[in-house]
Amino acid sequence: MPHRTRPMAALLVFTGLNVVLVQTITPVYDFVCFLPYWERRREQRRQDRDAALAKGSGAT
């Protein structure tokens, strides 16, 4: 065989990588989900929906 398999080293690297990813998921999630762009878009969609409801109820 040209190389030795090292299952313990692979397991430690895999576990370490998962620990890093789990610790960084909350700040990344918060950054992506609470960007001002999404806040503005959500507010614009709410205003559009309210305007459409007001227009629809005013016509009937």
N, C-alpha and C. Protein backbone atom coordinates (compact mmCIF):
# COMPACT_ATOMS: atom_id res chain seq x y z
N MET A 1 0.84 -1.19 0.00
CA MET A 1 0.00 0.00 0.00
C MET A 1 0.88 1.25 0.00
N PRO A 2 0.52 2.24 -0.79
CA PRO A 2 1.35 3.44 -0.88
C PRO A 2 1.24 4.35 0.34
N HIS A 3 0.18 4.27 1.10
CA HIS A 3 0.04 5.13 2.28
C HIS A 3 -0.71 4.37 3.37
N ARG A 4 -0.53 4.86 4.59
CA ARG A 4 -1.22 4.26 5.72
C ARG A 4 -2.53 5.00 5.97
N THR A 5 -3.56 4.24 6.24
CA THR A 5 -4.81 4.89 6.61
C THR A 5 -4.73 5.24 8.09
N ARG A 6 -5.22 6.39 8.43
CA ARG A 6 -5.20 6.86 9.82
C ARG A 6 -6.62 7.24 10.22
N PRO A 7 -7.39 6.26 10.64
CA PRO A 7 -8.80 6.54 10.96
C PRO A 7 -8.96 7.49 12.15
N MET A 8 -8.07 7.40 13.13
CA MET A 8 -8.21 8.28 14.29
C MET A 8 -7.94 9.74 13.90
N ALA A 9 -6.94 9.99 13.09
CA ALA A 9 -6.65 11.35 12.64
C ALA A 9 -7.81 11.88 11.79
N ALA A 10 -8.33 11.05 10.94
CA ALA A 10 -9.46 11.47 10.10
C ALA A 10 -10.68 11.79 10.97
N LEU A 11 -10.92 10.98 11.98
CA LEU A 11 -12.04 11.23 12.87
C LEU A 11 -11.86 12.54 13.64
N LEU A 12 -10.65 12.80 14.10
CA LEU A 12 -10.38 14.04 14.82
C LEU A 12 -10.54 15.26 13.91
N VAL A 13 -10.06 15.17 12.70
CA VAL A 13 -10.21 16.29 11.76
C VAL A 13 -11.69 16.52 11.46
N PHE A 14 -12.41 15.45 11.21
CA PHE A 14 -13.84 15.55 10.92
C PHE A 14 -14.59 16.17 12.09
N THR A 15 -14.31 15.71 13.30
CA THR A 15 -14.97 16.24 14.49
C THR A 15 -14.60 17.70 14.72
N GLY A 16 -13.33 18.02 14.56
CA GLY A 16 -12.90 19.41 14.74
C GLY A 16 -13.56 20.34 13.74
N LEU A 17 -13.67 19.90 12.51
CA LEU A 17 -14.31 20.71 11.49
C LEU A 17 -15.79 20.92 11.81
N ASN A 18 -16.45 19.89 12.27
CA ASN A 18 -17.86 20.03 12.65
C ASN A 18 -18.04 20.97 13.84
N VAL A 19 -17.13 20.92 14.79
CA VAL A 19 -17.21 21.83 15.94
C VAL A 19 -17.08 23.28 15.47
N VAL A 20 -16.15 23.53 14.58
CA VAL A 20 -15.97 24.89 14.05
C VAL A 20 -17.22 25.34 13.30
N LEU A 21 -17.78 24.48 12.48
CA LEU A 21 -18.97 24.84 11.72
C LEU A 21 -20.17 25.10 12.64
N VAL A 22 -20.34 24.30 13.66
CA VAL A 22 -21.46 24.49 14.59
C VAL A 22 -21.31 25.81 15.35
N GLN A 23 -20.10 26.17 15.72
CA GLN A 23 -19.89 27.40 16.46
C GLN A 23 -20.08 28.64 15.59
N THR A 24 -19.87 28.52 14.29
CA THR A 24 -19.97 29.69 13.43
C THR A 24 -21.33 29.80 12.73
N ILE A 25 -22.22 28.83 12.91
CA ILE A 25 -23.47 28.87 12.18
C ILE A 25 -24.38 29.99 12.66
N THR A 26 -24.41 30.28 13.95
CA THR A 26 -25.31 31.31 14.47
C THR A 26 -24.94 32.70 13.95
N PRO A 27 -23.67 33.13 14.04
CA PRO A 27 -23.36 34.45 13.49
C PRO A 27 -23.60 34.55 11.99
N VAL A 28 -23.31 33.47 11.27
CA VAL A 28 -23.53 33.49 9.81
C VAL A 28 -25.02 33.58 9.52
N TYR A 29 -25.81 32.80 10.23
CA TYR A 29 -27.26 32.82 10.05
C TYR A 29 -27.82 34.22 10.36
N ASP A 30 -27.39 34.78 11.47
CA ASP A 30 -27.85 36.12 11.83
C ASP A 30 -27.46 37.15 10.79
N PHE A 31 -26.24 37.06 10.28
CA PHE A 31 -25.78 38.00 9.27
C PHE A 31 -26.62 37.90 8.00
N VAL A 32 -26.86 36.69 7.55
CA VAL A 32 -27.59 36.50 6.30
C VAL A 32 -29.07 36.84 6.46
N CYS A 33 -29.68 36.41 7.55
CA CYS A 33 -31.12 36.57 7.70
C CYS A 33 -31.54 37.96 8.13
N PHE A 34 -30.67 38.70 8.78
CA PHE A 34 -31.07 40.00 9.30
C PHE A 34 -30.36 41.14 8.59
N LEU A 35 -29.99 40.92 7.33
CA LEU A 35 -29.42 42.00 6.53
C LEU A 35 -30.48 43.08 6.32
N PRO A 36 -30.09 44.34 6.27
CA PRO A 36 -31.08 45.39 6.01
C PRO A 36 -31.85 45.19 4.70
N TYR A 37 -31.20 44.56 3.70
CA TYR A 37 -31.89 44.29 2.44
C TYR A 37 -33.15 43.47 2.68
N TRP A 38 -33.05 42.40 3.47
CA TRP A 38 -34.21 41.55 3.71
C TRP A 38 -35.26 42.27 4.53
N GLU A 39 -34.81 43.11 5.46
CA GLU A 39 -35.76 43.88 6.26
C GLU A 39 -36.55 44.84 5.35
N ARG A 40 -35.84 45.53 4.46
CA ARG A 40 -36.53 46.45 3.54
C ARG A 40 -37.47 45.69 2.62
N ARG A 41 -37.02 44.55 2.13
CA ARG A 41 -37.85 43.77 1.21
C ARG A 41 -39.10 43.27 1.91
N ARG A 42 -38.95 42.80 3.14
CA ARG A 42 -40.11 42.32 3.88
C ARG A 42 -41.10 43.45 4.15
N GLU A 43 -40.59 44.62 4.50
CA GLU A 43 -41.45 45.77 4.74
C GLU A 43 -42.16 46.21 3.45
N GLN A 44 -41.44 46.20 2.33
CA GLN A 44 -42.06 46.55 1.05
C GLN A 44 -43.15 45.56 0.67
N ARG A 45 -42.89 44.29 0.88
CA ARG A 45 -43.91 43.28 0.57
C ARG A 45 -45.13 43.43 1.46
N ARG A 46 -44.91 43.77 2.74
CA ARG A 46 -46.03 43.98 3.65
C ARG A 46 -46.87 45.18 3.20
N GLN A 47 -46.20 46.26 2.78
CA GLN A 47 -46.92 47.44 2.31
C GLN A 47 -47.70 47.13 1.03
N ASP A 48 -47.09 46.37 0.14
CA ASP A 48 -47.78 45.98 -1.10
C ASP A 48 -49.01 45.13 -0.80
N ARG A 49 -48.85 44.20 0.14
CA ARG A 49 -49.97 43.32 0.51
C ARG A 49 -51.09 44.13 1.16
N ASP A 50 -50.74 45.06 2.06
CA ASP A 50 -51.74 45.90 2.70
C ASP A 50 -52.46 46.77 1.69
N ALA A 51 -51.70 47.31 0.71
CA ALA A 51 -52.31 48.14 -0.33
C ALA A 51 -53.26 47.32 -1.19
N ALA A 52 -52.88 46.09 -1.50
CA ALA A 52 -53.73 45.23 -2.32
C ALA A 52 -55.00 44.86 -1.55
N LEU A 53 -54.88 44.61 -0.25
CA LEU A 53 -56.07 44.29 0.56
C LEU A 53 -56.98 45.50 0.67
N ALA A 54 -56.42 46.68 0.86
CA ALA A 54 -57.22 47.89 0.97
C ALA A 54 -57.92 48.18 -0.36
N LYS A 55 -57.22 47.96 -1.45
CA LYS A 55 -57.80 48.20 -2.78
C LYS A 55 -58.93 47.19 -3.05
N GLY A 56 -58.69 45.95 -2.65
CA GLY A 56 -59.71 44.92 -2.87
C GLY A 56 -60.94 45.12 -2.01
N SER A 57 -60.77 45.52 -0.77
CA SER A 57 -61.93 45.70 0.11
C SER A 57 -62.65 47.00 -0.19
N GLY A 58 -61.95 47.98 -0.75
CA GLY A 58 -62.59 49.24 -1.11
C GLY A 58 -63.47 49.09 -2.36
N ALA A 59 -63.13 48.16 -3.23
CA ALA A 59 -63.87 47.99 -4.48
C ALA A 59 -65.14 47.19 -4.25
N THR A 60 -65.23 46.39 -3.19
CA THR A 60 -66.42 45.57 -2.99
C THR A 60 -67.46 46.23 -2.15
